C-alpha atoms as a PDB file:
ATOM      1  CA  MET A   1      -0.015  -0.069  -0.018  1.00  0.00           C
ATOM      2  CA  VAL A   2       2.866   2.387   0.754  1.00  0.00           C
ATOM      3  CA  ASP A   3       4.482   1.416  -2.616  1.00  0.00           C
ATOM      4  CA  MET A   4       1.265   2.472  -4.353  1.00  0.00           C
ATOM      5  CA  GLY A   5       1.534   5.756  -2.401  1.00  0.00           C
ATOM      6  CA  ILE A   6       4.981   6.434  -3.684  1.00  0.00           C
ATOM      7  CA  TRP A   7       4.175   5.494  -7.164  1.00  0.00           C
ATOM      8  CA  LYS A   8       1.028   7.878  -7.124  1.00  0.00           C
ATOM      9  CA  GLN A   9       3.297  10.686  -5.752  1.00  0.00           C
ATOM     10  CA  ARG A  10       5.823  10.214  -8.564  1.00  0.00           C
ATOM     11  CA  ASN A  11       3.095  10.596 -11.163  1.00  0.00           C
ATOM     12  CA  THR A  12       1.737  13.637  -9.499  1.00  0.00           C
ATOM     13  CA  VAL A  13       5.207  15.418  -9.574  1.00  0.00           C
ATOM     14  CA  ARG A  14       5.838  14.229 -13.064  1.00  0.00           C
ATOM     15  CA  HIS A  15       2.681  15.990 -14.142  1.00  0.00           C
ATOM     16  CA  GLY A  16       3.486  19.252 -12.384  1.00  0.00           C
ATOM     17  CA  GLY A  17       1.812  18.506  -8.925  1.00  0.00           C
ATOM     18  CA  LEU A  18       3.223  19.345  -5.505  1.00  0.00           C
ATOM     19  CA  SER A  19       5.666  17.044  -3.836  1.00  0.00           C
ATOM     20  CA  ARG A  20       4.936  15.668  -0.348  1.00  0.00           C
ATOM     21  CA  ASN A  21       7.497  14.338   2.277  1.00  0.00           C
ATOM     22  CA  GLY A  22       7.734  10.655   3.013  1.00  0.00           C
ATOM     23  CA  LEU A  23       5.881  10.845   6.304  1.00  0.00           C
ATOM     24  CA  ALA A  24       2.833  12.370   4.530  1.00  0.00           C
ATOM     25  CA  ILE A  25       2.940   9.678   1.950  1.00  0.00           C
ATOM     26  CA  VAL A  26       3.073   6.891   4.532  1.00  0.00           C
ATOM     27  CA  ARG A  27       0.168   8.436   6.594  1.00  0.00           C
ATOM     28  CA  SER A  28      -1.921   8.736   3.572  1.00  0.00           C
ATOM     29  CA  SER A  29      -1.336   5.235   2.481  1.00  0.00           C
ATOM     30  CA  LEU A  30      -2.080   3.743   5.850  1.00  0.00           C
ATOM     31  CA  ARG A  31      -5.258   5.858   6.104  1.00  0.00           C
ATOM     32  CA  ILE A  32      -6.432   4.472   2.703  1.00  0.00           C
ATOM     33  CA  TRP A  33      -5.695   1.010   3.910  1.00  0.00           C
ATOM     34  CA  ASP A  34      -7.496   1.328   7.180  1.00  0.00           C
ATOM     35  CA  GLU A  35     -10.499   2.874   5.410  1.00  0.00           C
ATOM     36  CA  PHE A  36     -10.327  -0.188   3.014  1.00  0.00           C
ATOM     37  CA  GLN A  37     -10.442  -2.561   5.974  1.00  0.00           C
ATOM     38  CA  VAL A  38     -13.428  -0.729   7.541  1.00  0.00           C
ATOM     39  CA  ALA A  39     -15.407  -0.750   4.374  1.00  0.00           C
ATOM     40  CA  ASN A  40     -14.819  -4.367   3.807  1.00  0.00           C
ATOM     41  CA  GLU A  41     -15.444  -5.558   7.511  1.00  0.00           C
ATOM     42  CA  LYS A  42     -18.333  -7.542   6.548  1.00  0.00           C
ATOM     43  CA  PRO A  43     -18.995 -10.936   8.186  1.00  0.00           C
ATOM     44  CA  GLN A  44     -20.302 -13.863   6.077  1.00  0.00           C
ATOM     45  CA  THR A  45     -23.758 -13.658   5.154  1.00  0.00           C
ATOM     46  CA  THR A  46     -25.974 -16.516   6.149  1.00  0.00           C
ATOM     47  CA  ARG A  47     -29.658 -17.300   5.797  1.00  0.00           C
ATOM     48  CA  GLU A  48     -30.198 -16.704   9.554  1.00  0.00           C
ATOM     49  CA  SER A  49     -28.591 -13.246   9.379  1.00  0.00           C
ATOM     50  CA  ILE A  50     -30.686 -12.273   6.476  1.00  0.00           C
ATOM     51  CA  THR A  51     -33.966 -13.301   8.125  1.00  0.00           C
ATOM     52  CA  MET A  52     -33.114 -12.136  11.736  1.00  0.00           C
ATOM     53  CA  GLU A  53     -34.068  -8.545  12.709  1.00  0.00           C
ATOM     54  CA  ILE A  54     -31.247  -7.003  14.636  1.00  0.00           C
ATOM     55  CA  LYS A  55     -32.540  -5.143  17.640  1.00  0.00           C
ATOM     56  CA  TRP A  56     -30.761  -3.208  20.485  1.00  0.00           C
ATOM     57  CA  CYS A  57     -30.308  -5.409  23.591  1.00  0.00           C
ATOM     58  CA  PRO A  58     -30.629  -3.782  26.990  1.00  0.00           C
ATOM     59  CA  PRO A  59     -28.064  -4.207  29.786  1.00  0.00           C
ATOM     60  CA  GLN A  60     -28.561  -6.071  33.053  1.00  0.00           C
ATOM     61  CA  LEU A  61     -30.602  -4.322  35.774  1.00  0.00           C
ATOM     62  CA  GLY A  62     -28.547  -1.563  37.275  1.00  0.00           C
ATOM     63  CA  SER A  63     -26.153  -1.176  34.333  1.00  0.00           C
ATOM     64  CA  TYR A  64     -26.064   1.129  31.451  1.00  0.00           C
ATOM     65  CA  LYS A  65     -25.321   0.754  27.786  1.00  0.00           C
ATOM     66  CA  VAL A  66     -23.484   3.493  25.877  1.00  0.00           C
ATOM     67  CA  ASN A  67     -23.878   3.284  22.100  1.00  0.00           C
ATOM     68  CA  VAL A  68     -21.634   5.240  19.908  1.00  0.00           C
ATOM     69  CA  ASP A  69     -21.183   5.902  16.203  1.00  0.00           C
ATOM     70  CA  GLY A  70     -19.355   8.205  13.851  1.00  0.00           C
ATOM     71  CA  ALA A  71     -20.025   9.820  10.451  1.00  0.00           C
ATOM     72  CA  VAL A  72     -17.542  11.295   8.008  1.00  0.00           C
ATOM     73  CA  PHE A  73     -18.679  14.441   6.190  1.00  0.00           C
ATOM     74  CA  THR A  74     -16.061  14.367   3.488  1.00  0.00           C
ATOM     75  CA  LYS A  75     -16.839  17.609   1.620  1.00  0.00           C
ATOM     76  CA  GLN A  76     -16.841  19.657   4.870  1.00  0.00           C
ATOM     77  CA  LYS A  77     -13.731  17.965   6.123  1.00  0.00           C
ATOM     78  CA  GLN A  78     -15.495  17.275   9.366  1.00  0.00           C
ATOM     79  CA  VAL A  79     -16.953  14.306  11.242  1.00  0.00           C
ATOM     80  CA  GLY A  80     -20.028  13.822  13.411  1.00  0.00           C
ATOM     81  CA  ILE A  81     -20.185  11.580  16.538  1.00  0.00           C
ATOM     82  CA  GLY A  82     -23.363  10.412  18.241  1.00  0.00           C
ATOM     83  CA  VAL A  83     -23.693   8.879  21.839  1.00  0.00           C
ATOM     84  CA  VAL A  84     -26.790   7.479  23.511  1.00  0.00           C
ATOM     85  CA  ILE A  85     -26.720   6.205  27.144  1.00  0.00           C
ATOM     86  CA  ARG A  86     -29.692   3.999  28.010  1.00  0.00           C
ATOM     87  CA  ASP A  87     -30.691   1.948  31.107  1.00  0.00           C
ATOM     88  CA  SER A  88     -31.893  -1.550  31.426  1.00  0.00           C
ATOM     89  CA  ALA A  89     -35.447  -0.548  30.545  1.00  0.00           C
ATOM     90  CA  GLY A  90     -34.237   1.108  27.293  1.00  0.00           C
ATOM     91  CA  GLU A  91     -34.868   4.668  28.650  1.00  0.00           C
ATOM     92  CA  VAL A  92     -32.560   7.385  27.429  1.00  0.00           C
ATOM     93  CA  ILE A  93     -30.391   8.734  30.168  1.00  0.00           C
ATOM     94  CA  ALA A  94     -28.361  11.104  28.121  1.00  0.00           C
ATOM     95  CA  ALA A  95     -27.455  11.725  24.506  1.00  0.00           C
ATOM     96  CA  LEU A  96     -24.854  13.632  22.618  1.00  0.00           C
ATOM     97  CA  SER A  97     -24.375  14.964  19.126  1.00  0.00           C
ATOM     98  CA  HIS A  98     -20.794  16.262  18.616  1.00  0.00           C
ATOM     99  CA  LYS A  99     -19.114  17.748  15.533  1.00  0.00           C
ATOM    100  CA  LEU A 100     -15.339  17.847  15.136  1.00  0.00           C
ATOM    101  CA  ALA A 101     -13.753  20.042  12.406  1.00  0.00           C
ATOM    102  CA  ARG A 102     -11.047  17.460  11.569  1.00  0.00           C
ATOM    103  CA  PRO A 103     -10.583  15.567   8.264  1.00  0.00           C
ATOM    104  CA  LEU A 104     -10.481  12.117   9.903  1.00  0.00           C
ATOM    105  CA  GLY A 105     -10.836   8.810   8.038  1.00  0.00           C
ATOM    106  CA  ALA A 106     -13.519   6.255   8.873  1.00  0.00           C
ATOM    107  CA  LEU A 107     -11.557   4.190  11.272  1.00  0.00           C
ATOM    108  CA  GLU A 108     -10.184   7.189  13.029  1.00  0.00           C
ATOM    109  CA  THR A 109     -13.730   8.555  13.334  1.00  0.00           C
ATOM    110  CA  GLU A 110     -15.097   5.377  14.878  1.00  0.00           C
ATOM    111  CA  ALA A 111     -12.254   5.321  17.351  1.00  0.00           C
ATOM    112  CA  LYS A 112     -12.969   8.905  18.235  1.00  0.00           C
ATOM    113  CA  ALA A 113     -16.545   8.122  18.738  1.00  0.00           C
ATOM    114  CA  MET A 114     -15.789   5.528  21.353  1.00  0.00           C
ATOM    115  CA  GLU A 115     -13.464   7.957  23.137  1.00  0.00           C
ATOM    116  CA  VAL A 116     -16.118  10.621  23.297  1.00  0.00           C
ATOM    117  CA  GLY A 117     -18.600   7.967  24.483  1.00  0.00           C
ATOM    118  CA  ILE A 118     -16.298   6.912  27.363  1.00  0.00           C
ATOM    119  CA  GLN A 119     -15.738  10.660  28.427  1.00  0.00           C
ATOM    120  CA  PHE A 120     -19.456  11.404  28.145  1.00  0.00           C
ATOM    121  CA  ALA A 121     -20.331   8.375  30.392  1.00  0.00           C
ATOM    122  CA  LEU A 122     -17.903   9.669  32.981  1.00  0.00           C
ATOM    123  CA  ASP A 123     -19.355  13.146  32.736  1.00  0.00           C
ATOM    124  CA  VAL A 124     -22.923  11.794  33.214  1.00  0.00           C
ATOM    125  CA  GLY A 125     -21.892   9.657  36.137  1.00  0.00           C
ATOM    126  CA  VAL A 126     -22.801   6.136  35.121  1.00  0.00           C
ATOM    127  CA  TRP A 127     -20.437   3.560  36.648  1.00  0.00           C
ATOM    128  CA  ASP A 128     -21.473   0.136  35.375  1.00  0.00           C
ATOM    129  CA  VAL A 129     -21.376   0.328  31.650  1.00  0.00           C
ATOM    130  CA  ILE A 130     -21.234  -1.647  28.374  1.00  0.00           C
ATOM    131  CA  PHE A 131     -19.842   0.390  25.485  1.00  0.00           C
ATOM    132  CA  GLU A 132     -21.230  -0.672  22.147  1.00  0.00           C
ATOM    133  CA  GLY A 133     -20.512   0.399  18.496  1.00  0.00           C
ATOM    134  CA  ASP A 134     -20.747  -1.038  14.997  1.00  0.00           C
ATOM    135  CA  ALA A 135     -16.976  -0.927  14.185  1.00  0.00           C
ATOM    136  CA  LEU A 136     -15.835  -4.375  14.971  1.00  0.00           C
ATOM    137  CA  SER A 137     -12.102  -3.804  14.705  1.00  0.00           C
ATOM    138  CA  ILE A 138     -12.325  -1.060  17.322  1.00  0.00           C
ATOM    139  CA  CYS A 139     -14.393  -3.123  19.689  1.00  0.00           C
ATOM    140  CA  ASN A 140     -11.973  -6.131  19.312  1.00  0.00           C
ATOM    141  CA  ALA A 141      -8.963  -3.947  19.990  1.00  0.00           C
ATOM    142  CA  LEU A 142     -10.555  -2.633  23.200  1.00  0.00           C
ATOM    143  CA  ARG A 143     -11.422  -6.181  24.209  1.00  0.00           C
ATOM    144  CA  GLY A 144      -7.836  -7.233  23.546  1.00  0.00           C
ATOM    145  CA  VAL A 145      -8.773  -9.836  21.036  1.00  0.00           C
ATOM    146  CA  GLY A 146      -7.559  -8.154  17.813  1.00  0.00           C
ATOM    147  CA  GLU A 147      -4.538  -6.038  16.565  1.00  0.00           C
ATOM    148  CA  VAL A 148      -5.085  -2.343  16.602  1.00  0.00           C
ATOM    149  CA  ALA A 149      -4.593  -0.318  13.389  1.00  0.00           C
ATOM    150  CA  THR A 150      -1.568   2.101  13.454  1.00  0.00           C
ATOM    151  CA  LEU A 151      -3.694   5.115  13.014  1.00  0.00           C
ATOM    152  CA  VAL A 152      -5.801   4.542  16.194  1.00  0.00           C
ATOM    153  CA  GLN A 153      -3.248   2.867  18.283  1.00  0.00           C
ATOM    154  CA  ASN A 154      -2.708   5.830  20.781  1.00  0.00           C
ATOM    155  CA  LEU A 155      -6.517   6.305  20.960  1.00  0.00           C
ATOM    156  CA  VAL A 156      -7.084   2.683  21.909  1.00  0.00           C
ATOM    157  CA  VAL A 157      -4.292   2.793  24.429  1.00  0.00           C
ATOM    158  CA  GLY A 158      -5.651   5.862  26.023  1.00  0.00           C
ATOM    159  CA  MET A 159      -9.210   4.418  26.240  1.00  0.00           C
ATOM    160  CA  SER A 160      -7.990   1.301  27.728  1.00  0.00           C
ATOM    161  CA  GLN A 161      -6.580   3.329  30.576  1.00  0.00           C
ATOM    162  CA  ARG A 162      -9.618   5.782  30.959  1.00  0.00           C
ATOM    163  CA  VAL A 163     -12.252   2.922  31.356  1.00  0.00           C
ATOM    164  CA  LYS A 164     -10.420   1.810  34.434  1.00  0.00           C
ATOM    165  CA  ALA A 165     -12.311   4.685  36.207  1.00  0.00           C
ATOM    166  CA  PHE A 166     -15.610   2.722  35.931  1.00  0.00           C
ATOM    167  CA  ARG A 167     -16.658   0.280  38.545  1.00  0.00           C
ATOM    168  CA  SER A 168     -17.366  -2.266  35.763  1.00  0.00           C
ATOM    169  CA  TYR A 169     -17.229  -2.009  32.038  1.00  0.00           C
ATOM    170  CA  ALA A 170     -17.318  -4.009  28.732  1.00  0.00           C
ATOM    171  CA  PHE A 171     -17.183  -3.573  25.002  1.00  0.00           C
ATOM    172  CA  SER A 172     -19.726  -4.993  22.740  1.00  0.00           C
ATOM    173  CA  HIS A 173     -20.087  -5.058  18.926  1.00  0.00           C
ATOM    174  CA  THR A 174     -23.427  -4.654  17.119  1.00  0.00           C
ATOM    175  CA  LYS A 175     -24.371  -4.346  13.430  1.00  0.00           C
ATOM    176  CA  ARG A 176     -25.568  -1.000  12.154  1.00  0.00           C
ATOM    177  CA  GLN A 177     -29.322  -2.040  12.579  1.00  0.00           C
ATOM    178  CA  GLY A 178     -28.690  -2.384  16.296  1.00  0.00           C
ATOM    179  CA  ASN A 179     -27.117   1.051  16.588  1.00  0.00           C
ATOM    180  CA  ILE A 180     -29.604   3.323  14.705  1.00  0.00           C
ATOM    181  CA  PRO A 181     -30.095   6.069  17.452  1.00  0.00           C
ATOM    182  CA  ALA A 182     -26.400   6.654  17.748  1.00  0.00           C
ATOM    183  CA  HIS A 183     -26.020   6.581  14.064  1.00  0.00           C
ATOM    184  CA  LEU A 184     -28.785   9.261  13.635  1.00  0.00           C
ATOM    185  CA  LEU A 185     -27.184  11.469  16.239  1.00  0.00           C
ATOM    186  CA  ALA A 186     -23.814  11.284  14.456  1.00  0.00           C
ATOM    187  CA  HIS A 187     -25.477  12.566  11.218  1.00  0.00           C
ATOM    188  CA  TYR A 188     -27.439  15.171  13.325  1.00  0.00           C
ATOM    189  CA  ALA A 189     -24.128  16.746  14.120  1.00  0.00           C
ATOM    190  CA  ARG A 190     -23.766  17.989  10.542  1.00  0.00           C
ATOM    191  CA  ASN A 191     -26.264  20.761  11.352  1.00  0.00           C
ATOM    192  CA  ILE A 192     -24.853  21.882  14.660  1.00  0.00           C
ATOM    193  CA  VAL A 193     -21.931  24.255  15.561  1.00  0.00           C
ATOM    194  CA  SER A 194     -20.062  22.057  17.917  1.00  0.00           C
ATOM    195  CA  TYR A 195     -21.949  19.826  20.265  1.00  0.00           C
ATOM    196  CA  VAL A 196     -25.403  19.343  21.865  1.00  0.00           C
ATOM    197  CA  ALA A 197     -26.133  17.300  24.877  1.00  0.00           C
ATOM    198  CA  TRP A 198     -29.385  16.087  26.324  1.00  0.00           C
ATOM    199  CA  LEU A 199     -30.062  14.694  29.807  1.00  0.00           C
ATOM    200  CA  GLU A 200     -33.120  12.410  30.408  1.00  0.00           C
ATOM    201  CA  GLU A 201     -34.396  13.537  27.021  1.00  0.00           C
ATOM    202  CA  CYS A 202     -33.414  13.679  23.351  1.00  0.00           C
ATOM    203  CA  PRO A 203     -34.769  14.729  19.902  1.00  0.00           C
ATOM    204  CA  SER A 204     -38.144  13.269  19.063  1.00  0.00           C
ATOM    205  CA  LEU A 205     -36.411  11.454  16.085  1.00  0.00           C
ATOM    206  CA  ILE A 206     -34.128   9.690  18.485  1.00  0.00           C
ATOM    207  CA  GLU A 207     -36.927   8.819  20.900  1.00  0.00           C
ATOM    208  CA  HIS A 208     -38.816   7.224  17.967  1.00  0.00           C
ATOM    209  CA  ALA A 209     -35.823   5.168  17.037  1.00  0.00           C
ATOM    210  CA  CYS A 210     -35.121   4.029  20.536  1.00  0.00           C
ATOM    211  CA  ALA A 211     -38.723   3.011  20.985  1.00  0.00           C
ATOM    212  CA  HIS A 212     -38.648   0.760  17.931  1.00  0.00           C
ATOM    213  CA  ASP A 213     -35.295  -0.977  18.367  1.00  0.00           C
ATOM    214  CA  LEU A 214     -35.811  -2.492  21.925  1.00  0.00           C
ATOM    215  CA  VAL A 215     -36.090  -6.184  22.464  1.00  0.00           C
ATOM    216  CA  SER A 216     -37.256  -7.486  25.822  1.00  0.00           C
ATOM    217  CA  PRO A 217     -34.935  -6.951  28.720  1.00  0.00           C
ATOM    218  CA  PRO A 218     -32.814  -9.900  30.012  1.00  0.00           C
ATOM    219  CA  ARG A 219     -34.328 -11.983  32.797  1.00  0.00           C
ATOM    220  CA  ASP A 220     -32.670 -12.064  36.164  1.00  0.00           C
ATOM    221  CA  GLU A 221     -31.638 -15.559  37.073  1.00  0.00           C
END
């Protein structure tokens, strides 16, 4: 992938374009590779997965689930982040829509969304938490079961330390269909200046999405 970046740079200079230093070429090549991995992060499709409707699954009684998602606004060179904190009954405890004026790639955006979700949960004051997102590579890295991509290594290391402030925590992966409220809030960020937070309430669109993605809460043994 880096060789392709060098070849592209040579062609650019040959046709009168600007020259970039080696570090810029490497970072650009790694970003393209990481975004390729995110775009192709698709599990094998089975007949069961086609017919099964994916719903949001509530945490155990007394715990909270923090769903996060990120959206890349390429033309604006910005990204949006959505965070929704819900209790075991599926009620929204807090929600956040946050826009960052940074030209991040897809993988970096998903990692940043998880980082913002962790900090938001600390700010709200929930201490027994499941963090959930639809970026499998980020969730696996934070669970210690997968290698972390170079571009997000520092973010993952920082998050692994920060979550130790919680009484209990875990990381969970879901597909996009089980993460719709956070997904909507990430795109909602396109129309705000910086960030908007809601406590014990959220926009009607998010309330509607939350009401329709809830499965029955787990039974206590």
